[in-house]
Amino acid sequence: MSNTKPKSQPKNAGELAQEAIQEKTTKPAPQPAQFVAEFGECEIHGKYPLNMQDERGHVRWYPPMCPKCREQSRASELLASSNIPPRFAACDFANFEATSEAQQKVLARCQSFAEEFDKYRAAGACLLLCGRPGTGKNHLATAISKRLLADGYSVLRVKAAQYLDAYWAKSFDEREAWLQRMALVDLLMIDEIGRSSNAKSAQDAFFRIIDARYEAKLPTLIATNLNREELIEVLGEATYDRMTQGGSIRLTFGWDSHRSKVRL
């Protein structure tokens, strides 16, 4: 009698597949490593997260810097690139002194212009801030700029005298390219338009940039100590007419100077 064991029959494809399924269902799933949150410490803003865990269990790392400091640094860079001077960097809607009804109305209109800028931009509507020195025109102009920069719009501030000097210093070809770049900024702010700008050559220079932005249907913000009649005299009828179309806004800062209250 032979002691040889019978050879086992080879498994067919169905049996192999069934075993693979059974092994997969009975094998315990690997447990993800326990997430350990890490934090950094900012001397100014305190503790901030360095990492997080997404919905798939993957660990994601934030940039190695306090997020509030990073946001402030970006805001400072945007203000600098927009030519906003450091003196006005802290100006915001929240710290504008609005004690009278007239001041509150002007503040509300400026906030509306910033919050609904997409509407004003689509219409090419300009904003004219007119009034005596020290009444907060630059404060609110800067607050508008900061809000637009935070929303991703481009802003450029230029003093009237600086604009005129640069305009006259350029050759014809340089001037055309320079004007086109300025014409495409989402909001152009022209500050300190005064009687010193009152000359035929200055009127022509202002007309060129305002007309370029008028054709591009983009808003311009003017801050001036002049009243309506004086501004028309300086800019010229054609330039002023272009600035008052498309639902433009003219606000009068008719109260006393804030600066006179803090003089020594």
C-alpha atoms as a PDB file:
ATOM      1  CA  MET A   1       0.000   0.000   0.000  1.00  0.00           C
ATOM      2  CA  SER A   2       1.530   3.283  -0.988  1.00  0.00           C
ATOM      3  CA  ASN A   3       2.021   6.131   1.658  1.00  0.00           C
ATOM      4  CA  THR A   4       2.152   8.826  -0.987  1.00  0.00           C
ATOM      5  CA  LYS A   5      -0.347  11.659  -0.247  1.00  0.00           C
ATOM      6  CA  PRO A   6      -2.596  12.681  -3.076  1.00  0.00           C
ATOM      7  CA  LYS A   7      -1.541  15.918  -4.702  1.00  0.00           C
ATOM      8  CA  SER A   8      -3.874  18.891  -4.030  1.00  0.00           C
ATOM      9  CA  GLN A   9      -5.747  20.217  -6.988  1.00  0.00           C
ATOM     10  CA  PRO A  10      -4.675  23.675  -8.186  1.00  0.00           C
ATOM     11  CA  LYS A  11      -7.127  26.443  -7.294  1.00  0.00           C
ATOM     12  CA  ASN A  12      -9.085  27.966 -10.043  1.00  0.00           C
ATOM     13  CA  ALA A  13      -9.358  31.699 -10.696  1.00  0.00           C
ATOM     14  CA  GLY A  14     -12.669  31.984  -8.823  1.00  0.00           C
ATOM     15  CA  GLU A  15     -11.244  30.495  -5.662  1.00  0.00           C
ATOM     16  CA  LEU A  16      -8.166  32.735  -5.760  1.00  0.00           C
ATOM     17  CA  ALA A  17     -10.310  35.820  -6.197  1.00  0.00           C
ATOM     18  CA  GLN A  18     -12.540  34.786  -3.292  1.00  0.00           C
ATOM     19  CA  GLU A  19      -9.530  34.329  -1.006  1.00  0.00           C
ATOM     20  CA  ALA A  20      -8.145  37.741  -1.982  1.00  0.00           C
ATOM     21  CA  ILE A  21     -11.464  39.408  -1.152  1.00  0.00           C
ATOM     22  CA  GLN A  22     -11.671  37.598   2.181  1.00  0.00           C
ATOM     23  CA  GLU A  23      -8.096  38.583   3.104  1.00  0.00           C
ATOM     24  CA  LYS A  24      -8.778  42.233   2.209  1.00  0.00           C
ATOM     25  CA  THR A  25     -11.966  42.416   4.291  1.00  0.00           C
ATOM     26  CA  THR A  26     -10.482  40.725   7.350  1.00  0.00           C
ATOM     27  CA  LYS A  27      -7.147  42.614   7.341  1.00  0.00           C
ATOM     28  CA  PRO A  28      -7.371  45.605   9.714  1.00  0.00           C
ATOM     29  CA  ALA A  29      -7.058  48.994   8.033  1.00  0.00           C
ATOM     30  CA  PRO A  30      -3.902  50.899   8.951  1.00  0.00           C
ATOM     31  CA  GLN A  31      -4.589  53.544  11.574  1.00  0.00           C
ATOM     32  CA  PRO A  32      -3.472  57.077  10.654  1.00  0.00           C
ATOM     33  CA  ALA A  33      -0.813  58.594  12.841  1.00  0.00           C
ATOM     34  CA  GLN A  34      -2.259  60.756  15.585  1.00  0.00           C
ATOM     35  CA  PHE A  35      -2.225  64.430  14.584  1.00  0.00           C
ATOM     36  CA  VAL A  36      -0.194  66.672  16.814  1.00  0.00           C
ATOM     37  CA  ALA A  37      -0.965  70.378  16.480  1.00  0.00           C
ATOM     38  CA  GLU A  38       2.055  72.655  16.629  1.00  0.00           C
ATOM     39  CA  PHE A  39       2.079  76.350  17.395  1.00  0.00           C
ATOM     40  CA  GLY A  40       4.379  79.325  17.065  1.00  0.00           C
ATOM     41  CA  GLU A  41       4.562  82.326  19.347  1.00  0.00           C
ATOM     42  CA  CYS A  42       4.396  85.929  18.161  1.00  0.00           C
ATOM     43  CA  GLU A  43       5.614  88.636  20.532  1.00  0.00           C
ATOM     44  CA  ILE A  44       2.809  90.906  19.319  1.00  0.00           C
ATOM     45  CA  HIS A  45      -0.168  88.655  18.567  1.00  0.00           C
ATOM     46  CA  GLY A  46       0.552  85.620  20.740  1.00  0.00           C
ATOM     47  CA  LYS A  47       0.121  81.953  19.780  1.00  0.00           C
ATOM     48  CA  TYR A  48      -0.676  80.975  16.184  1.00  0.00           C
ATOM     49  CA  PRO A  49      -1.014  77.524  14.467  1.00  0.00           C
ATOM     50  CA  LEU A  50       1.824  76.083  12.414  1.00  0.00           C
ATOM     51  CA  ASN A  51      -0.083  73.114  10.986  1.00  0.00           C
ATOM     52  CA  MET A  52      -3.521  71.575  10.497  1.00  0.00           C
ATOM     53  CA  GLN A  53      -5.094  68.282   9.417  1.00  0.00           C
ATOM     54  CA  ASP A  54      -7.283  68.242   6.319  1.00  0.00           C
ATOM     55  CA  GLU A  55     -10.378  66.099   5.754  1.00  0.00           C
ATOM     56  CA  ARG A  56      -8.247  63.242   4.373  1.00  0.00           C
ATOM     57  CA  GLY A  57      -6.053  63.132   7.424  1.00  0.00           C
ATOM     58  CA  HIS A  58      -3.059  64.751   5.741  1.00  0.00           C
ATOM     59  CA  VAL A  59      -1.014  67.217   7.757  1.00  0.00           C
ATOM     60  CA  ARG A  60      -0.707  70.650   6.126  1.00  0.00           C
ATOM     61  CA  TRP A  61       1.762  73.319   7.200  1.00  0.00           C
ATOM     62  CA  TYR A  62       1.183  77.059   7.219  1.00  0.00           C
ATOM     63  CA  PRO A  63       3.894  79.544   6.166  1.00  0.00           C
ATOM     64  CA  PRO A  64       6.346  79.995   9.066  1.00  0.00           C
ATOM     65  CA  MET A  65       5.165  83.441  10.154  1.00  0.00           C
ATOM     66  CA  CYS A  66       2.476  84.921  12.357  1.00  0.00           C
ATOM     67  CA  PRO A  67      -0.560  85.252  10.025  1.00  0.00           C
ATOM     68  CA  LYS A  68      -1.515  88.660  11.423  1.00  0.00           C
ATOM     69  CA  CYS A  69       2.039  89.970  10.979  1.00  0.00           C
ATOM     70  CA  ARG A  70       2.061  88.534   7.441  1.00  0.00           C
ATOM     71  CA  GLU A  71      -1.230  90.276   6.660  1.00  0.00           C
ATOM     72  CA  GLN A  72       0.051  93.581   8.051  1.00  0.00           C
ATOM     73  CA  SER A  73       3.293  93.246   6.067  1.00  0.00           C
ATOM     74  CA  ARG A  74       1.362  92.616   2.856  1.00  0.00           C
ATOM     75  CA  ALA A  75      -0.874  95.600   3.578  1.00  0.00           C
ATOM     76  CA  SER A  76       2.185  97.810   4.134  1.00  0.00           C
ATOM     77  CA  GLU A  77       3.721  96.648   0.853  1.00  0.00           C
ATOM     78  CA  LEU A  78       0.478  97.353  -1.016  1.00  0.00           C
ATOM     79  CA  LEU A  79       0.229 100.820   0.527  1.00  0.00           C
ATOM     80  CA  ALA A  80       3.825 101.569  -0.415  1.00  0.00           C
ATOM     81  CA  SER A  81       3.320 100.363  -3.985  1.00  0.00           C
ATOM     82  CA  SER A  82       0.208 102.541  -4.198  1.00  0.00           C
ATOM     83  CA  ASN A  83       2.216 105.592  -3.075  1.00  0.00           C
ATOM     84  CA  ILE A  84       0.232 105.985   0.173  1.00  0.00           C
ATOM     85  CA  PRO A  85       2.514 107.891   2.601  1.00  0.00           C
ATOM     86  CA  PRO A  86       3.306 106.389   6.026  1.00  0.00           C
ATOM     87  CA  ARG A  87       1.559 109.291   7.800  1.00  0.00           C
ATOM     88  CA  PHE A  88      -1.785 108.030   6.510  1.00  0.00           C
ATOM     89  CA  ALA A  89      -1.098 104.290   6.843  1.00  0.00           C
ATOM     90  CA  ALA A  90      -3.190 103.964  10.017  1.00  0.00           C
ATOM     91  CA  CYS A  91      -6.180 105.848   8.597  1.00  0.00           C
ATOM     92  CA  ASP A  92      -9.329 103.759   8.408  1.00  0.00           C
ATOM     93  CA  PHE A  93     -13.087 104.167   8.444  1.00  0.00           C
ATOM     94  CA  ALA A  94     -13.204 103.007  12.058  1.00  0.00           C
ATOM     95  CA  ASN A  95     -10.968 105.786  13.376  1.00  0.00           C
ATOM     96  CA  PHE A  96     -12.418 108.662  11.356  1.00  0.00           C
ATOM     97  CA  GLU A  97     -13.818 111.284  13.735  1.00  0.00           C
ATOM     98  CA  ALA A  98     -17.459 111.720  12.720  1.00  0.00           C
ATOM     99  CA  THR A  99     -19.233 113.645  15.460  1.00  0.00           C
ATOM    100  CA  SER A 100     -21.534 115.818  13.348  1.00  0.00           C
ATOM    101  CA  GLU A 101     -24.332 114.730  11.035  1.00  0.00           C
ATOM    102  CA  ALA A 102     -22.441 116.101   8.020  1.00  0.00           C
ATOM    103  CA  GLN A 103     -19.331 114.092   8.918  1.00  0.00           C
ATOM    104  CA  GLN A 104     -21.386 110.939   9.419  1.00  0.00           C
ATOM    105  CA  LYS A 105     -23.015 111.346   6.001  1.00  0.00           C
ATOM    106  CA  VAL A 106     -19.653 111.840   4.276  1.00  0.00           C
ATOM    107  CA  LEU A 107     -18.233 108.814   6.100  1.00  0.00           C
ATOM    108  CA  ALA A 108     -21.208 106.681   5.035  1.00  0.00           C
ATOM    109  CA  ARG A 109     -20.880 107.721   1.380  1.00  0.00           C
ATOM    110  CA  CYS A 110     -17.151 106.934   1.350  1.00  0.00           C
ATOM    111  CA  GLN A 111     -17.761 103.542   2.964  1.00  0.00           C
ATOM    112  CA  SER A 112     -20.440 102.815   0.377  1.00  0.00           C
ATOM    113  CA  PHE A 113     -18.060 103.771  -2.445  1.00  0.00           C
ATOM    114  CA  ALA A 114     -15.471 101.308  -1.128  1.00  0.00           C
ATOM    115  CA  GLU A 115     -17.876  98.484  -0.288  1.00  0.00           C
ATOM    116  CA  GLU A 116     -19.722  98.731  -3.618  1.00  0.00           C
ATOM    117  CA  PHE A 117     -16.693  99.625  -5.708  1.00  0.00           C
ATOM    118  CA  ASP A 118     -17.483  96.978  -8.302  1.00  0.00           C
ATOM    119  CA  LYS A 119     -20.673  98.911  -9.121  1.00  0.00           C
ATOM    120  CA  TYR A 120     -18.908 102.287  -9.270  1.00  0.00           C
ATOM    121  CA  ARG A 121     -16.041 100.806 -11.286  1.00  0.00           C
ATOM    122  CA  ALA A 122     -18.437  99.320 -13.834  1.00  0.00           C
ATOM    123  CA  ALA A 123     -20.031 102.751 -14.284  1.00  0.00           C
ATOM    124  CA  GLY A 124     -16.708 104.627 -14.297  1.00  0.00           C
ATOM    125  CA  ALA A 125     -18.077 106.826 -11.494  1.00  0.00           C
ATOM    126  CA  CYS A 126     -15.616 109.269  -9.920  1.00  0.00           C
ATOM    127  CA  LEU A 127     -15.420 110.558  -6.346  1.00  0.00           C
ATOM    128  CA  LEU A 128     -14.624 114.219  -5.594  1.00  0.00           C
ATOM    129  CA  LEU A 129     -13.654 115.132  -2.025  1.00  0.00           C
ATOM    130  CA  CYS A 130     -13.764 118.925  -1.667  1.00  0.00           C
ATOM    131  CA  GLY A 131     -13.135 121.018   1.433  1.00  0.00           C
ATOM    132  CA  ARG A 132     -10.766 122.995   3.563  1.00  0.00           C
ATOM    133  CA  PRO A 133      -7.391 121.599   4.705  1.00  0.00           C
ATOM    134  CA  GLY A 134      -7.368 119.300   7.718  1.00  0.00           C
ATOM    135  CA  THR A 135     -10.963 118.124   7.402  1.00  0.00           C
ATOM    136  CA  GLY A 136     -10.194 114.435   6.739  1.00  0.00           C
ATOM    137  CA  LYS A 137     -10.135 114.140   2.944  1.00  0.00           C
ATOM    138  CA  ASN A 138      -6.859 112.209   2.907  1.00  0.00           C
ATOM    139  CA  HIS A 139      -8.002 110.112   5.856  1.00  0.00           C
ATOM    140  CA  LEU A 140     -11.076 108.839   4.016  1.00  0.00           C
ATOM    141  CA  ALA A 141      -9.263 108.583   0.678  1.00  0.00           C
ATOM    142  CA  THR A 142      -6.717 106.310   2.371  1.00  0.00           C
ATOM    143  CA  ALA A 143      -9.460 104.280   4.057  1.00  0.00           C
ATOM    144  CA  ILE A 144     -11.058 103.726   0.654  1.00  0.00           C
ATOM    145  CA  SER A 145      -7.697 102.715  -0.820  1.00  0.00           C
ATOM    146  CA  LYS A 146      -6.988 100.214   1.958  1.00  0.00           C
ATOM    147  CA  ARG A 147     -10.371  98.558   1.500  1.00  0.00           C
ATOM    148  CA  LEU A 148      -9.910  98.291  -2.273  1.00  0.00           C
ATOM    149  CA  LEU A 149      -6.379  96.911  -1.921  1.00  0.00           C
ATOM    150  CA  ALA A 150      -7.670  94.287   0.530  1.00  0.00           C
ATOM    151  CA  ASP A 151     -10.323  93.346  -2.045  1.00  0.00           C
ATOM    152  CA  GLY A 152      -7.689  92.873  -4.756  1.00  0.00           C
ATOM    153  CA  TYR A 153      -8.110  96.108  -6.723  1.00  0.00           C
ATOM    154  CA  SER A 154      -5.185  98.245  -7.874  1.00  0.00           C
ATOM    155  CA  VAL A 155      -4.834 101.768  -6.465  1.00  0.00           C
ATOM    156  CA  LEU A 156      -2.391 104.568  -7.224  1.00  0.00           C
ATOM    157  CA  ARG A 157      -2.116 107.885  -5.392  1.00  0.00           C
ATOM    158  CA  VAL A 158      -0.304 110.839  -6.941  1.00  0.00           C
ATOM    159  CA  LYS A 159      -0.074 114.473  -5.924  1.00  0.00           C
ATOM    160  CA  ALA A 160      -1.116 116.935  -8.606  1.00  0.00           C
ATOM    161  CA  ALA A 161       2.294 118.643  -8.640  1.00  0.00           C
ATOM    162  CA  GLN A 162       4.109 115.300  -8.921  1.00  0.00           C
ATOM    163  CA  TYR A 163       1.863 114.272 -11.802  1.00  0.00           C
ATOM    164  CA  LEU A 164       2.470 117.526 -13.678  1.00  0.00           C
ATOM    165  CA  ASP A 165       6.256 117.376 -13.128  1.00  0.00           C
ATOM    166  CA  ALA A 166       6.395 113.787 -14.407  1.00  0.00           C
ATOM    167  CA  TYR A 167       4.086 114.577 -17.340  1.00  0.00           C
ATOM    168  CA  TRP A 168       6.206 117.487 -18.573  1.00  0.00           C
ATOM    169  CA  ALA A 169       9.515 115.677 -17.978  1.00  0.00           C
ATOM    170  CA  LYS A 170       8.695 112.831 -20.365  1.00  0.00           C
ATOM    171  CA  SER A 171       9.126 112.724 -24.092  1.00  0.00           C
ATOM    172  CA  PHE A 172       6.020 112.275 -26.228  1.00  0.00           C
ATOM    173  CA  ASP A 173       6.518 108.510 -26.681  1.00  0.00           C
ATOM    174  CA  GLU A 174       7.316 107.955 -22.992  1.00  0.00           C
ATOM    175  CA  ARG A 175       4.334 110.048 -21.996  1.00  0.00           C
ATOM    176  CA  GLU A 176       1.858 108.015 -24.039  1.00  0.00           C
ATOM    177  CA  ALA A 177       2.952 104.699 -22.531  1.00  0.00           C
ATOM    178  CA  TRP A 178       3.032 106.218 -19.028  1.00  0.00           C
ATOM    179  CA  LEU A 179      -0.487 107.635 -19.393  1.00  0.00           C
ATOM    180  CA  GLN A 180      -1.825 104.309 -20.602  1.00  0.00           C
ATOM    181  CA  ARG A 181      -0.434 102.538 -17.533  1.00  0.00           C
ATOM    182  CA  MET A 182      -2.031 105.099 -15.232  1.00  0.00           C
ATOM    183  CA  ALA A 183      -5.262 104.880 -17.180  1.00  0.00           C
ATOM    184  CA  LEU A 184      -5.651 101.175 -16.374  1.00  0.00           C
ATOM    185  CA  VAL A 185      -5.345 101.372 -12.561  1.00  0.00           C
ATOM    186  CA  ASP A 186      -8.657 100.442 -10.922  1.00  0.00           C
ATOM    187  CA  LEU A 187      -8.666 103.647  -8.855  1.00  0.00           C
ATOM    188  CA  LEU A 188      -6.429 106.650  -9.472  1.00  0.00           C
ATOM    189  CA  MET A 189      -6.243 109.209  -6.647  1.00  0.00           C
ATOM    190  CA  ILE A 190      -5.092 112.735  -7.514  1.00  0.00           C
ATOM    191  CA  ASP A 191      -4.399 114.760  -4.389  1.00  0.00           C
ATOM    192  CA  GLU A 192      -3.777 118.446  -3.714  1.00  0.00           C
ATOM    193  CA  ILE A 193      -5.222 119.939  -6.859  1.00  0.00           C
ATOM    194  CA  GLY A 194      -5.010 123.660  -6.079  1.00  0.00           C
ATOM    195  CA  ARG A 195      -4.734 127.061  -7.676  1.00  0.00           C
ATOM    196  CA  SER A 196      -1.045 126.478  -8.372  1.00  0.00           C
ATOM    197  CA  SER A 197      -2.192 123.995 -11.025  1.00  0.00           C
ATOM    198  CA  ASN A 198      -4.156 126.698 -12.829  1.00  0.00           C
ATOM    199  CA  ALA A 199      -2.443 127.079 -16.199  1.00  0.00           C
ATOM    200  CA  LYS A 200      -3.394 126.133 -19.727  1.00  0.00           C
ATOM    201  CA  SER A 201      -0.582 123.581 -19.898  1.00  0.00           C
ATOM    202  CA  ALA A 202      -1.761 122.064 -16.588  1.00  0.00           C
ATOM    203  CA  GLN A 203      -5.324 121.850 -17.873  1.00  0.00           C
ATOM    204  CA  ASP A 204      -4.102 119.974 -20.934  1.00  0.00           C
ATOM    205  CA  ALA A 205      -2.121 117.559 -18.740  1.00  0.00           C
ATOM    206  CA  PHE A 206      -5.078 116.859 -16.450  1.00  0.00           C
ATOM    207  CA  PHE A 207      -7.380 116.404 -19.434  1.00  0.00           C
ATOM    208  CA  ARG A 208      -5.083 113.749 -20.905  1.00  0.00           C
ATOM    209  CA  ILE A 209      -5.229 111.443 -17.884  1.00  0.00           C
ATOM    210  CA  ILE A 210      -8.889 112.080 -17.001  1.00  0.00           C
ATOM    211  CA  ASP A 211      -9.917 111.575 -20.629  1.00  0.00           C
ATOM    212  CA  ALA A 212      -7.889 108.348 -20.859  1.00  0.00           C
ATOM    213  CA  ARG A 213      -9.622 106.996 -17.754  1.00  0.00           C
ATOM    214  CA  TYR A 214     -12.983 108.271 -18.987  1.00  0.00           C
ATOM    215  CA  GLU A 215     -12.570 106.279 -22.190  1.00  0.00           C
ATOM    216  CA  ALA A 216     -11.437 103.220 -20.193  1.00  0.00           C
ATOM    217  CA  LYS A 217     -14.509 103.750 -17.976  1.00  0.00           C
ATOM    218  CA  LEU A 218     -12.494 103.740 -14.763  1.00  0.00           C
ATOM    219  CA  PRO A 219     -13.058 105.907 -11.667  1.00  0.00           C
ATOM    220  CA  THR A 220     -10.779 108.684 -10.440  1.00  0.00           C
ATOM    221  CA  LEU A 221     -10.740 110.112  -6.911  1.00  0.00           C
ATOM    222  CA  ILE A 222      -9.929 113.800  -6.536  1.00  0.00           C
ATOM    223  CA  ALA A 223      -9.040 115.369  -3.169  1.00  0.00           C
ATOM    224  CA  THR A 224      -8.910 119.154  -3.260  1.00  0.00           C
ATOM    225  CA  ASN A 225      -9.251 122.275  -1.127  1.00  0.00           C
ATOM    226  CA  LEU A 226     -11.133 123.962  -3.980  1.00  0.00           C
ATOM    227  CA  ASN A 227     -14.880 124.315  -4.307  1.00  0.00           C
ATOM    228  CA  ARG A 228     -16.788 123.327  -7.447  1.00  0.00           C
ATOM    229  CA  GLU A 229     -16.310 126.626  -9.304  1.00  0.00           C
ATOM    230  CA  GLU A 230     -12.610 126.825  -8.452  1.00  0.00           C
ATOM    231  CA  LEU A 231     -12.064 123.204  -9.494  1.00  0.00           C
ATOM    232  CA  ILE A 232     -13.704 123.843 -12.867  1.00  0.00           C
ATOM    233  CA  GLU A 233     -11.439 126.875 -13.294  1.00  0.00           C
ATOM    234  CA  VAL A 234      -8.326 124.777 -12.638  1.00  0.00           C
ATOM    235  CA  LEU A 235      -9.251 121.597 -14.530  1.00  0.00           C
ATOM    236  CA  GLY A 236     -11.271 123.117 -17.327  1.00  0.00           C
ATOM    237  CA  GLU A 237     -14.890 122.496 -18.308  1.00  0.00           C
ATOM    238  CA  ALA A 238     -14.183 119.434 -20.452  1.00  0.00           C
ATOM    239  CA  THR A 239     -12.182 117.636 -17.766  1.00  0.00           C
ATOM    240  CA  TYR A 240     -14.679 118.406 -15.008  1.00  0.00           C
ATOM    241  CA  ASP A 241     -17.564 117.302 -17.219  1.00  0.00           C
ATOM    242  CA  ARG A 242     -15.954 113.890 -17.757  1.00  0.00           C
ATOM    243  CA  MET A 243     -15.493 113.468 -14.017  1.00  0.00           C
ATOM    244  CA  THR A 244     -19.147 114.085 -13.218  1.00  0.00           C
ATOM    245  CA  GLN A 245     -20.661 111.441 -15.486  1.00  0.00           C
ATOM    246  CA  GLY A 246     -21.646 107.863 -14.671  1.00  0.00           C
ATOM    247  CA  GLY A 247     -23.168 108.527 -11.246  1.00  0.00           C
ATOM    248  CA  SER A 248     -20.130 110.309  -9.835  1.00  0.00           C
ATOM    249  CA  ILE A 249     -20.190 111.668  -6.275  1.00  0.00           C
ATOM    250  CA  ARG A 250     -19.032 115.053  -4.966  1.00  0.00           C
ATOM    251  CA  LEU A 251     -18.691 115.374  -1.178  1.00  0.00           C
ATOM    252  CA  THR A 252     -18.080 118.638   0.681  1.00  0.00           C
ATOM    253  CA  PHE A 253     -15.999 118.635   3.868  1.00  0.00           C
ATOM    254  CA  GLY A 254     -17.429 121.853   5.286  1.00  0.00           C
ATOM    255  CA  TRP A 255     -16.364 121.636   8.928  1.00  0.00           C
ATOM    256  CA  ASP A 256     -13.397 123.064  10.818  1.00  0.00           C
ATOM    257  CA  SER A 257      -9.921 121.580  10.528  1.00  0.00           C
ATOM    258  CA  HIS A 258      -9.064 118.697  12.859  1.00  0.00           C
ATOM    259  CA  ARG A 259      -5.463 119.888  12.929  1.00  0.00           C
ATOM    260  CA  SER A 260      -6.362 123.161  14.609  1.00  0.00           C
ATOM    261  CA  LYS A 261      -7.689 121.192  17.588  1.00  0.00           C
ATOM    262  CA  VAL A 262      -4.373 119.473  18.288  1.00  0.00           C
ATOM    263  CA  ARG A 263      -1.930 122.312  17.715  1.00  0.00           C
ATOM    264  CA  LEU A 264       0.362 123.202  20.608  1.00  0.00           C
END
